[in-house]
Amino acid sequence: MSTGLATLPEIKESVKYLRKNGCKQLALLKCTSSYPANPEDLNLISIQKMRKIFNCEVGFSDHSLGIGAALTSINNGASIIEKHFTIEKNKGVDGFFSSEATEMKRLKEESSIAWMARGKVFFGATKNEIKYRKFRRSIYISQDIKKGDSFSRDNLKVIRPSNGLHPKYFEIILGKKAKKSLKLGTPLKKIFIKY
């Protein structure tokens, strides 16, 4: 059901009527009823709210030019995109704001990517990122150090790879003494520091 021009109370009334009369598979389409629709009028963030209020699939009835708004709707939770299609833009009443075959093909391809990219709430390294952890920065010896020398900004650097101590320890280590002589390029380890 398209929601173009409808107020929230009107949508609620319609949904209540449909469900009361046996509608089990309901999808609402966020719609801006102007042709072509101005991106500033789309308010696609409403899709998230509609999904919470009505607990059903929510999509986007797109009358805007191009595919940008449709892709943005996916990021806002749209699971359906309705877009006008035409064989020739200069024919028909809605041809000028409709999509031709090449644009529809791009929309299909990019929509699939956008949907996959939404993913889930997750922090940290994904399975495919784990092998790149080694490219994080860590603390390295940037000048030869003799046993008993103090660590300083001159003889320590934060660089890649991540074989040394985490950069968060850099300030804490400054001024501490080396337990042993260390060569330029050595990743700094706790066992090298006299506390």
N, C-alpha and C. Protein backbone atom coordinates (compact mmCIF):
# COMPACT_ATOMS: atom_id res chain seq x y z
N MET A 1 0.84 -1.18 0.00
CA MET A 1 0.00 0.00 0.00
C MET A 1 0.89 1.24 0.00
N SER A 2 0.70 2.09 -0.98
CA SER A 2 1.44 3.34 -1.06
C SER A 2 0.86 4.32 -0.04
N THR A 3 1.72 5.14 0.54
CA THR A 3 1.27 6.08 1.58
C THR A 3 1.34 7.52 1.08
N GLY A 4 1.44 7.73 -0.21
CA GLY A 4 1.54 9.08 -0.77
C GLY A 4 0.39 9.96 -0.31
N LEU A 5 0.70 11.15 0.18
CA LEU A 5 -0.25 12.18 0.65
C LEU A 5 -0.96 11.83 1.96
N ALA A 6 -0.76 10.62 2.46
CA ALA A 6 -1.50 10.18 3.66
C ALA A 6 -0.83 10.67 4.94
N THR A 7 -1.65 11.07 5.89
CA THR A 7 -1.15 11.44 7.22
C THR A 7 -0.95 10.16 8.03
N LEU A 8 -0.24 10.26 9.15
CA LEU A 8 -0.04 9.09 9.99
C LEU A 8 -1.36 8.51 10.49
N PRO A 9 -2.31 9.33 10.96
CA PRO A 9 -3.61 8.75 11.36
C PRO A 9 -4.33 8.02 10.22
N GLU A 10 -4.22 8.54 9.00
CA GLU A 10 -4.85 7.88 7.85
C GLU A 10 -4.18 6.52 7.56
N ILE A 11 -2.85 6.49 7.67
CA ILE A 11 -2.15 5.21 7.45
C ILE A 11 -2.56 4.22 8.53
N LYS A 12 -2.62 4.67 9.78
CA LYS A 12 -3.02 3.79 10.89
C LYS A 12 -4.42 3.24 10.65
N GLU A 13 -5.31 4.09 10.20
CA GLU A 13 -6.69 3.66 9.95
C GLU A 13 -6.74 2.61 8.85
N SER A 14 -5.98 2.82 7.79
CA SER A 14 -5.95 1.88 6.67
C SER A 14 -5.36 0.53 7.08
N VAL A 15 -4.26 0.58 7.84
CA VAL A 15 -3.61 -0.65 8.29
C VAL A 15 -4.55 -1.43 9.21
N LYS A 16 -5.22 -0.72 10.10
CA LYS A 16 -6.17 -1.36 11.02
C LYS A 16 -7.29 -2.05 10.23
N TYR A 17 -7.80 -1.36 9.20
CA TYR A 17 -8.87 -1.92 8.37
C TYR A 17 -8.39 -3.18 7.65
N LEU A 18 -7.19 -3.11 7.04
CA LEU A 18 -6.66 -4.25 6.30
C LEU A 18 -6.46 -5.46 7.21
N ARG A 19 -5.88 -5.23 8.37
CA ARG A 19 -5.61 -6.34 9.29
C ARG A 19 -6.91 -6.92 9.86
N LYS A 20 -7.86 -6.05 10.14
CA LYS A 20 -9.15 -6.50 10.65
C LYS A 20 -9.86 -7.38 9.63
N ASN A 21 -9.60 -7.15 8.35
CA ASN A 21 -10.25 -7.89 7.28
C ASN A 21 -9.38 -8.98 6.66
N GLY A 22 -8.41 -9.46 7.45
CA GLY A 22 -7.68 -10.66 7.06
C GLY A 22 -6.37 -10.48 6.33
N CYS A 23 -5.90 -9.25 6.16
CA CYS A 23 -4.62 -9.04 5.46
C CYS A 23 -3.48 -9.54 6.33
N LYS A 24 -2.79 -10.55 5.85
CA LYS A 24 -1.70 -11.15 6.61
C LYS A 24 -0.32 -10.69 6.09
N GLN A 25 -0.26 -10.32 4.82
CA GLN A 25 1.02 -9.90 4.23
C GLN A 25 0.89 -8.45 3.76
N LEU A 26 1.26 -7.55 4.65
CA LEU A 26 1.12 -6.13 4.37
C LEU A 26 2.50 -5.51 4.16
N ALA A 27 2.61 -4.68 3.15
CA ALA A 27 3.82 -3.88 2.93
C ALA A 27 3.37 -2.45 2.67
N LEU A 28 3.98 -1.52 3.37
CA LEU A 28 3.70 -0.10 3.16
C LEU A 28 4.84 0.50 2.35
N LEU A 29 4.50 1.37 1.42
CA LEU A 29 5.51 2.02 0.61
C LEU A 29 5.52 3.52 0.93
N LYS A 30 6.66 4.01 1.46
CA LYS A 30 6.82 5.44 1.69
C LYS A 30 6.80 6.11 0.33
N CYS A 31 5.98 7.13 0.18
CA CYS A 31 5.77 7.73 -1.14
C CYS A 31 5.65 9.24 -1.02
N THR A 32 6.28 9.95 -1.94
CA THR A 32 6.10 11.39 -2.09
C THR A 32 5.42 11.60 -3.43
N SER A 33 4.19 12.08 -3.38
CA SER A 33 3.37 12.17 -4.59
C SER A 33 3.59 13.47 -5.34
N SER A 34 4.79 13.65 -5.87
CA SER A 34 5.06 14.74 -6.81
C SER A 34 5.96 14.14 -7.89
N TYR A 35 5.88 14.69 -9.09
CA TYR A 35 6.45 14.01 -10.25
C TYR A 35 7.27 14.96 -11.12
N PRO A 36 8.58 14.91 -11.11
CA PRO A 36 9.40 14.04 -10.26
C PRO A 36 9.45 14.56 -8.83
N ALA A 37 9.70 13.68 -7.90
CA ALA A 37 9.77 14.05 -6.49
C ALA A 37 11.12 14.69 -6.19
N ASN A 38 11.07 15.80 -5.45
CA ASN A 38 12.27 16.52 -5.05
C ASN A 38 12.93 15.74 -3.90
N PRO A 39 14.23 15.46 -3.99
CA PRO A 39 14.90 14.73 -2.91
C PRO A 39 14.65 15.31 -1.52
N GLU A 40 14.53 16.64 -1.42
CA GLU A 40 14.30 17.28 -0.12
C GLU A 40 12.93 16.93 0.47
N ASP A 41 12.03 16.46 -0.36
CA ASP A 41 10.67 16.12 0.10
C ASP A 41 10.50 14.63 0.43
N LEU A 42 11.52 13.82 0.22
CA LEU A 42 11.36 12.36 0.35
C LEU A 42 11.27 11.87 1.79
N ASN A 43 12.01 12.49 2.69
CA ASN A 43 11.96 12.11 4.12
C ASN A 43 12.08 10.60 4.33
N LEU A 44 13.09 10.02 3.74
CA LEU A 44 13.26 8.56 3.77
C LEU A 44 13.52 7.99 5.15
N ILE A 45 13.95 8.82 6.06
CA ILE A 45 14.17 8.35 7.43
C ILE A 45 12.85 7.89 8.06
N SER A 46 11.73 8.32 7.50
CA SER A 46 10.40 7.90 7.98
C SER A 46 10.19 6.39 7.82
N ILE A 47 10.93 5.77 6.91
CA ILE A 47 10.79 4.33 6.69
C ILE A 47 11.08 3.57 7.98
N GLN A 48 12.13 3.98 8.69
CA GLN A 48 12.48 3.32 9.95
C GLN A 48 11.33 3.42 10.95
N LYS A 49 10.74 4.61 11.04
CA LYS A 49 9.64 4.84 11.98
C LYS A 49 8.42 4.02 11.59
N MET A 50 8.12 3.97 10.29
CA MET A 50 6.97 3.19 9.81
C MET A 50 7.13 1.72 10.17
N ARG A 51 8.34 1.21 10.02
CA ARG A 51 8.60 -0.20 10.33
C ARG A 51 8.33 -0.48 11.81
N LYS A 52 8.73 0.46 12.68
CA LYS A 52 8.50 0.29 14.12
C LYS A 52 7.01 0.38 14.47
N ILE A 53 6.34 1.37 13.90
CA ILE A 53 4.93 1.59 14.23
C ILE A 53 4.04 0.44 13.75
N PHE A 54 4.26 0.02 12.50
CA PHE A 54 3.31 -0.92 11.88
C PHE A 54 3.79 -2.38 11.88
N ASN A 55 5.04 -2.62 12.25
CA ASN A 55 5.56 -3.98 12.34
C ASN A 55 5.27 -4.78 11.06
N CYS A 56 5.65 -4.20 9.93
CA CYS A 56 5.47 -4.88 8.64
C CYS A 56 6.59 -4.47 7.71
N GLU A 57 6.63 -5.10 6.55
CA GLU A 57 7.60 -4.70 5.54
C GLU A 57 7.30 -3.28 5.10
N VAL A 58 8.36 -2.51 4.89
CA VAL A 58 8.20 -1.13 4.42
C VAL A 58 9.16 -0.92 3.26
N GLY A 59 8.64 -0.30 2.22
CA GLY A 59 9.45 -0.03 1.04
C GLY A 59 9.36 1.42 0.64
N PHE A 60 9.72 1.68 -0.60
CA PHE A 60 9.78 3.04 -1.12
C PHE A 60 9.19 3.09 -2.52
N SER A 61 8.16 3.89 -2.68
CA SER A 61 7.59 4.16 -3.99
C SER A 61 8.29 5.40 -4.51
N ASP A 62 9.22 5.20 -5.45
CA ASP A 62 10.16 6.24 -5.85
C ASP A 62 9.75 6.95 -7.13
N HIS A 63 9.51 8.26 -6.99
CA HIS A 63 9.21 9.08 -8.16
C HIS A 63 10.31 10.10 -8.41
N SER A 64 11.47 9.89 -7.80
CA SER A 64 12.58 10.84 -7.98
C SER A 64 13.39 10.44 -9.21
N LEU A 65 14.24 11.35 -9.64
CA LEU A 65 15.10 11.08 -10.79
C LEU A 65 16.33 10.30 -10.33
N GLY A 66 16.81 9.39 -11.16
CA GLY A 66 18.01 8.62 -10.84
C GLY A 66 17.74 7.51 -9.85
N ILE A 67 18.84 6.94 -9.31
CA ILE A 67 18.70 5.81 -8.39
C ILE A 67 19.20 6.12 -6.97
N GLY A 68 19.71 7.32 -6.76
CA GLY A 68 20.28 7.69 -5.46
C GLY A 68 19.30 7.55 -4.31
N ALA A 69 18.09 8.05 -4.49
CA ALA A 69 17.09 8.00 -3.42
C ALA A 69 16.70 6.56 -3.12
N ALA A 70 16.56 5.76 -4.15
CA ALA A 70 16.18 4.35 -3.95
C ALA A 70 17.25 3.62 -3.13
N LEU A 71 18.52 3.88 -3.44
CA LEU A 71 19.60 3.25 -2.69
C LEU A 71 19.62 3.74 -1.24
N THR A 72 19.34 5.02 -1.05
CA THR A 72 19.28 5.59 0.30
C THR A 72 18.13 4.97 1.09
N SER A 73 17.05 4.66 0.42
CA SER A 73 15.90 4.05 1.11
C SER A 73 16.29 2.70 1.72
N ILE A 74 17.15 1.97 1.05
CA ILE A 74 17.61 0.67 1.56
C ILE A 74 18.35 0.88 2.88
N ASN A 75 19.20 1.89 2.92
CA ASN A 75 19.94 2.20 4.14
C ASN A 75 19.00 2.58 5.28
N ASN A 76 17.82 3.03 4.93
CA ASN A 76 16.81 3.39 5.94
C ASN A 76 15.83 2.25 6.21
N GLY A 77 16.08 1.07 5.68
CA GLY A 77 15.28 -0.10 6.00
C GLY A 77 14.28 -0.53 4.96
N ALA A 78 14.26 0.10 3.78
CA ALA A 78 13.31 -0.31 2.74
C ALA A 78 13.67 -1.70 2.21
N SER A 79 12.68 -2.57 2.15
CA SER A 79 12.91 -3.92 1.62
C SER A 79 12.25 -4.10 0.26
N ILE A 80 11.55 -3.06 -0.20
CA ILE A 80 10.89 -3.08 -1.51
C ILE A 80 11.14 -1.72 -2.16
N ILE A 81 11.42 -1.73 -3.46
CA ILE A 81 11.52 -0.46 -4.20
C ILE A 81 10.60 -0.55 -5.40
N GLU A 82 9.72 0.42 -5.50
CA GLU A 82 8.84 0.52 -6.67
C GLU A 82 9.30 1.73 -7.46
N LYS A 83 9.59 1.52 -8.74
CA LYS A 83 10.11 2.59 -9.58
C LYS A 83 9.43 2.51 -10.94
N HIS A 84 9.06 3.65 -11.47
CA HIS A 84 8.42 3.68 -12.80
C HIS A 84 9.44 3.30 -13.87
N PHE A 85 9.00 2.49 -14.83
CA PHE A 85 9.85 2.01 -15.91
C PHE A 85 9.28 2.48 -17.24
N THR A 86 10.18 2.84 -18.15
CA THR A 86 9.76 3.23 -19.49
C THR A 86 10.76 2.71 -20.52
N ILE A 87 10.27 2.48 -21.73
CA ILE A 87 11.16 2.08 -22.82
C ILE A 87 11.79 3.33 -23.44
N GLU A 88 11.01 4.44 -23.45
CA GLU A 88 11.53 5.71 -23.98
C GLU A 88 11.09 6.86 -23.09
N LYS A 89 12.05 7.65 -22.61
CA LYS A 89 11.76 8.75 -21.68
C LYS A 89 10.86 9.83 -22.29
N ASN A 90 10.93 10.01 -23.59
CA ASN A 90 10.14 11.08 -24.21
C ASN A 90 8.73 10.65 -24.60
N LYS A 91 8.31 9.47 -24.13
CA LYS A 91 6.95 9.00 -24.44
C LYS A 91 6.19 8.73 -23.16
N GLY A 92 4.91 8.97 -23.18
CA GLY A 92 4.05 8.67 -22.03
C GLY A 92 4.01 9.81 -21.02
N VAL A 93 3.01 9.74 -20.17
CA VAL A 93 2.77 10.79 -19.17
C VAL A 93 3.88 10.85 -18.13
N ASP A 94 4.36 9.69 -17.71
CA ASP A 94 5.39 9.67 -16.67
C ASP A 94 6.76 9.26 -17.18
N GLY A 95 6.95 9.28 -18.51
CA GLY A 95 8.22 8.85 -19.10
C GLY A 95 9.42 9.66 -18.65
N PHE A 96 9.24 10.96 -18.47
CA PHE A 96 10.38 11.83 -18.17
C PHE A 96 10.99 11.58 -16.79
N PHE A 97 10.23 11.01 -15.86
CA PHE A 97 10.83 10.71 -14.55
C PHE A 97 10.97 9.20 -14.32
N SER A 98 10.68 8.42 -15.33
CA SER A 98 10.79 6.96 -15.23
C SER A 98 12.20 6.50 -15.59
N SER A 99 12.53 5.29 -15.23
CA SER A 99 13.85 4.72 -15.52
C SER A 99 13.79 3.84 -16.75
N GLU A 100 14.82 3.95 -17.57
CA GLU A 100 14.96 3.07 -18.73
C GLU A 100 15.72 1.81 -18.29
N ALA A 101 15.83 0.86 -19.20
CA ALA A 101 16.39 -0.46 -18.88
C ALA A 101 17.78 -0.40 -18.25
N THR A 102 18.68 0.44 -18.78
CA THR A 102 20.05 0.49 -18.24
C THR A 102 20.05 1.01 -16.80
N GLU A 103 19.20 2.01 -16.51
CA GLU A 103 19.13 2.54 -15.15
C GLU A 103 18.51 1.51 -14.20
N MET A 104 17.51 0.79 -14.67
CA MET A 104 16.89 -0.26 -13.86
C MET A 104 17.89 -1.38 -13.54
N LYS A 105 18.70 -1.72 -14.52
CA LYS A 105 19.72 -2.75 -14.32
C LYS A 105 20.70 -2.29 -13.24
N ARG A 106 21.14 -1.02 -13.33
CA ARG A 106 22.05 -0.47 -12.32
C ARG A 106 21.40 -0.45 -10.94
N LEU A 107 20.12 -0.08 -10.91
CA LEU A 107 19.39 -0.05 -9.63
C LEU A 107 19.35 -1.44 -9.01
N LYS A 108 19.08 -2.45 -9.82
CA LYS A 108 19.03 -3.83 -9.31
C LYS A 108 20.39 -4.24 -8.74
N GLU A 109 21.45 -3.98 -9.50
CA GLU A 109 22.79 -4.37 -9.06
C GLU A 109 23.21 -3.62 -7.79
N GLU A 110 23.03 -2.31 -7.79
CA GLU A 110 23.46 -1.50 -6.64
C GLU A 110 22.58 -1.74 -5.42
N SER A 111 21.30 -2.05 -5.64
CA SER A 111 20.40 -2.37 -4.53
C SER A 111 20.84 -3.63 -3.80
N SER A 112 21.27 -4.62 -4.56
CA SER A 112 21.76 -5.86 -3.95
C SER A 112 22.96 -5.59 -3.07
N ILE A 113 23.88 -4.76 -3.56
CA ILE A 113 25.07 -4.41 -2.79
C ILE A 113 24.67 -3.62 -1.55
N ALA A 114 23.78 -2.63 -1.72
CA ALA A 114 23.35 -1.79 -0.59
C ALA A 114 22.67 -2.63 0.49
N TRP A 115 21.86 -3.60 0.08
CA TRP A 115 21.16 -4.46 1.05
C TRP A 115 22.15 -5.32 1.83
N MET A 116 23.12 -5.92 1.11
CA MET A 116 24.14 -6.73 1.77
C MET A 116 24.98 -5.88 2.73
N ALA A 117 25.30 -4.66 2.29
CA ALA A 117 26.18 -3.79 3.07
C ALA A 117 25.55 -3.33 4.38
N ARG A 118 24.23 -3.38 4.48
CA ARG A 118 23.57 -3.00 5.75
C ARG A 118 24.05 -3.89 6.88
N GLY A 119 24.21 -5.17 6.61
CA GLY A 119 24.74 -6.11 7.58
C GLY A 119 23.99 -6.13 8.89
N LYS A 120 24.76 -6.17 9.99
CA LYS A 120 24.20 -6.23 11.33
C LYS A 120 25.04 -5.34 12.23
N VAL A 121 24.57 -5.10 13.42
CA VAL A 121 25.36 -4.30 14.36
C VAL A 121 26.55 -5.16 14.79
N PHE A 122 27.75 -4.69 14.50
CA PHE A 122 28.95 -5.47 14.76
C PHE A 122 30.14 -4.53 14.89
N PHE A 123 31.02 -4.81 15.85
CA PHE A 123 32.24 -4.04 16.03
C PHE A 123 33.42 -5.00 16.11
N GLY A 124 34.56 -4.58 15.60
CA GLY A 124 35.74 -5.43 15.60
C GLY A 124 36.05 -5.93 14.21
N ALA A 125 36.98 -6.85 14.14
CA ALA A 125 37.41 -7.38 12.84
C ALA A 125 36.46 -8.47 12.36
N THR A 126 36.01 -8.34 11.12
CA THR A 126 35.22 -9.40 10.50
C THR A 126 36.16 -10.53 10.10
N LYS A 127 35.61 -11.66 9.72
CA LYS A 127 36.40 -12.81 9.30
C LYS A 127 37.37 -12.42 8.18
N ASN A 128 36.90 -11.59 7.24
CA ASN A 128 37.75 -11.19 6.11
C ASN A 128 38.76 -10.11 6.47
N GLU A 129 38.60 -9.46 7.63
CA GLU A 129 39.54 -8.42 8.05
C GLU A 129 40.68 -8.95 8.90
N ILE A 130 40.52 -10.10 9.51
CA ILE A 130 41.50 -10.61 10.48
C ILE A 130 42.92 -10.61 9.91
N LYS A 131 43.07 -11.00 8.66
CA LYS A 131 44.42 -11.07 8.07
C LYS A 131 45.06 -9.69 7.93
N TYR A 132 44.25 -8.61 8.04
CA TYR A 132 44.79 -7.26 7.91
C TYR A 132 45.15 -6.62 9.25
N ARG A 133 44.92 -7.34 10.35
CA ARG A 133 45.28 -6.80 11.67
C ARG A 133 46.76 -6.43 11.75
N LYS A 134 47.57 -7.19 11.03
CA LYS A 134 49.01 -6.94 11.07
C LYS A 134 49.37 -5.56 10.55
N PHE A 135 48.47 -4.91 9.83
CA PHE A 135 48.74 -3.59 9.27
C PHE A 135 48.39 -2.46 10.23
N ARG A 136 47.94 -2.81 11.43
CA ARG A 136 47.72 -1.77 12.44
C ARG A 136 49.08 -1.25 12.90
N ARG A 137 49.08 -0.12 13.55
CA ARG A 137 50.33 0.48 14.01
C ARG A 137 50.74 -0.04 15.37
N SER A 138 52.02 0.04 15.64
CA SER A 138 52.55 -0.32 16.96
C SER A 138 53.86 0.45 17.17
N ILE A 139 54.44 0.27 18.36
CA ILE A 139 55.65 1.03 18.72
C ILE A 139 56.91 0.26 18.30
N TYR A 140 57.80 0.98 17.61
CA TYR A 140 59.06 0.42 17.13
C TYR A 140 60.24 1.29 17.59
N ILE A 141 61.40 0.66 17.67
CA ILE A 141 62.65 1.36 17.95
C ILE A 141 63.07 2.08 16.67
N SER A 142 63.26 3.41 16.75
CA SER A 142 63.61 4.18 15.54
C SER A 142 65.07 4.63 15.52
N GLN A 143 65.81 4.35 16.60
CA GLN A 143 67.27 4.57 16.67
C GLN A 143 67.84 3.49 17.57
N ASP A 144 69.07 3.08 17.31
CA ASP A 144 69.70 2.09 18.19
C ASP A 144 69.68 2.61 19.63
N ILE A 145 69.38 1.71 20.57
CA ILE A 145 69.30 2.06 21.99
C ILE A 145 70.24 1.12 22.76
N LYS A 146 71.01 1.69 23.68
CA LYS A 146 71.88 0.88 24.53
C LYS A 146 71.14 0.54 25.82
N LYS A 147 71.52 -0.54 26.43
CA LYS A 147 70.96 -0.95 27.73
C LYS A 147 71.07 0.23 28.70
N GLY A 148 69.95 0.56 29.37
CA GLY A 148 69.91 1.64 30.34
C GLY A 148 69.51 2.98 29.76
N ASP A 149 69.50 3.12 28.41
CA ASP A 149 69.04 4.38 27.78
C ASP A 149 67.55 4.58 28.04
N SER A 150 67.13 5.83 28.08
CA SER A 150 65.71 6.15 28.25
C SER A 150 65.00 6.13 26.90
N PHE A 151 63.78 5.68 26.94
CA PHE A 151 62.95 5.74 25.72
C PHE A 151 62.46 7.17 25.56
N SER A 152 62.49 7.65 24.31
CA SER A 152 62.10 9.04 24.03
C SER A 152 61.38 9.13 22.69
N ARG A 153 60.94 10.32 22.39
CA ARG A 153 60.29 10.56 21.08
C ARG A 153 61.30 10.44 19.94
N ASP A 154 62.58 10.53 20.27
CA ASP A 154 63.61 10.42 19.24
C ASP A 154 63.93 8.97 18.88
N ASN A 155 63.77 8.05 19.86
CA ASN A 155 64.16 6.67 19.57
C ASN A 155 62.97 5.70 19.49
N LEU A 156 61.77 6.24 19.57
CA LEU A 156 60.54 5.42 19.39
C LEU A 156 59.67 6.05 18.32
N LYS A 157 59.01 5.21 17.55
CA LYS A 157 58.06 5.68 16.53
C LYS A 157 56.87 4.72 16.50
N VAL A 158 55.71 5.27 16.15
CA VAL A 158 54.52 4.45 15.96
C VAL A 158 54.35 4.25 14.45
N ILE A 159 54.57 3.00 14.03
CA ILE A 159 54.51 2.67 12.60
C ILE A 159 53.86 1.30 12.42
N ARG A 160 53.72 0.88 11.16
CA ARG A 160 53.24 -0.46 10.85
C ARG A 160 54.42 -1.40 10.70
N PRO A 161 54.27 -2.71 10.92
CA PRO A 161 53.06 -3.46 11.29
C PRO A 161 52.85 -3.49 12.81
N SER A 162 51.96 -4.35 13.24
CA SER A 162 51.51 -4.37 14.64
C SER A 162 52.26 -5.39 15.49
N ASN A 163 53.53 -5.54 15.26
CA ASN A 163 54.31 -6.55 16.01
C ASN A 163 54.78 -6.04 17.37
N GLY A 164 54.71 -4.72 17.58
CA GLY A 164 55.16 -4.15 18.84
C GLY A 164 54.00 -3.84 19.77
N LEU A 165 54.30 -3.07 20.82
CA LEU A 165 53.26 -2.66 21.77
C LEU A 165 52.26 -1.71 21.12
N HIS A 166 51.06 -1.73 21.60
CA HIS A 166 49.99 -0.86 21.10
C HIS A 166 50.37 0.61 21.30
N PRO A 167 50.03 1.48 20.36
CA PRO A 167 50.37 2.91 20.47
C PRO A 167 49.82 3.58 21.74
N LYS A 168 48.81 3.01 22.36
CA LYS A 168 48.25 3.64 23.56
C LYS A 168 49.28 3.68 24.71
N TYR A 169 50.34 2.86 24.63
CA TYR A 169 51.37 2.82 25.68
C TYR A 169 52.50 3.82 25.44
N PHE A 170 52.48 4.50 24.30
CA PHE A 170 53.60 5.36 23.90
C PHE A 170 53.97 6.37 24.99
N GLU A 171 53.00 7.15 25.45
CA GLU A 171 53.29 8.19 26.46
C GLU A 171 53.76 7.59 27.78
N ILE A 172 53.23 6.43 28.14
CA ILE A 172 53.60 5.76 29.40
C ILE A 172 55.06 5.31 29.37
N ILE A 173 55.53 4.88 28.20
CA ILE A 173 56.88 4.33 28.05
C ILE A 173 57.95 5.43 28.05
N LEU A 174 57.60 6.62 27.59
CA LEU A 174 58.58 7.70 27.51
C LEU A 174 59.24 7.92 28.87
N GLY A 175 60.59 7.97 28.87
CA GLY A 175 61.34 8.17 30.11
C GLY A 175 61.74 6.88 30.81
N LYS A 176 61.10 5.78 30.47
CA LYS A 176 61.47 4.49 31.07
C LYS A 176 62.78 4.02 30.44
N LYS A 177 63.50 3.11 31.10
CA LYS A 177 64.81 2.65 30.65
C LYS A 177 64.72 1.31 29.91
N ALA A 178 65.65 1.12 28.99
CA ALA A 178 65.75 -0.14 28.24
C ALA A 178 66.48 -1.18 29.07
N LYS A 179 65.94 -2.37 29.17
CA LYS A 179 66.56 -3.48 29.91
C LYS A 179 67.75 -4.06 29.15
N LYS A 180 67.75 -3.86 27.83
CA LYS A 180 68.81 -4.42 26.98
C LYS A 180 69.02 -3.50 25.79
N SER A 181 70.08 -3.70 25.09
CA SER A 181 70.34 -2.92 23.87
C SER A 181 69.36 -3.37 22.78
N LEU A 182 68.85 -2.40 22.03
CA LEU A 182 67.84 -2.69 20.99
C LEU A 182 68.25 -2.01 19.69
N LYS A 183 68.11 -2.72 18.60
CA LYS A 183 68.48 -2.21 17.28
C LYS A 183 67.31 -1.47 16.63
N LEU A 184 67.67 -0.52 15.79
CA LEU A 184 66.69 0.20 14.96
C LEU A 184 65.81 -0.81 14.24
N GLY A 185 64.48 -0.60 14.26
CA GLY A 185 63.54 -1.47 13.55
C GLY A 185 62.99 -2.61 14.40
N THR A 186 63.41 -2.67 15.68
CA THR A 186 62.91 -3.72 16.57
C THR A 186 61.52 -3.33 17.09
N PRO A 187 60.54 -4.24 16.99
CA PRO A 187 59.24 -3.93 17.60
C PRO A 187 59.40 -3.93 19.12
N LEU A 188 58.90 -2.90 19.78
CA LEU A 188 59.05 -2.79 21.24
C LEU A 188 58.11 -3.74 21.96
N LYS A 189 58.69 -4.50 22.92
CA LYS A 189 57.90 -5.43 23.74
C LYS A 189 58.03 -5.02 25.20
N LYS A 190 57.09 -5.44 26.03
CA LYS A 190 57.12 -5.11 27.46
C LYS A 190 58.37 -5.64 28.12
N ILE A 191 58.84 -6.78 27.68
CA ILE A 191 60.02 -7.40 28.31
C ILE A 191 61.29 -6.56 28.10
N PHE A 192 61.27 -5.58 27.19
CA PHE A 192 62.43 -4.74 26.93
C PHE A 192 62.45 -3.50 27.84
N ILE A 193 61.41 -3.31 28.65
CA ILE A 193 61.24 -2.06 29.41
C ILE A 193 61.48 -2.32 30.89
N LYS A 194 62.28 -1.46 31.50
CA LYS A 194 62.56 -1.53 32.94
C LYS A 194 61.53 -0.63 33.64
N TYR A 195 60.70 -1.22 34.49
CA TYR A 195 59.65 -0.45 35.18
C TYR A 195 60.09 -0.10 36.59
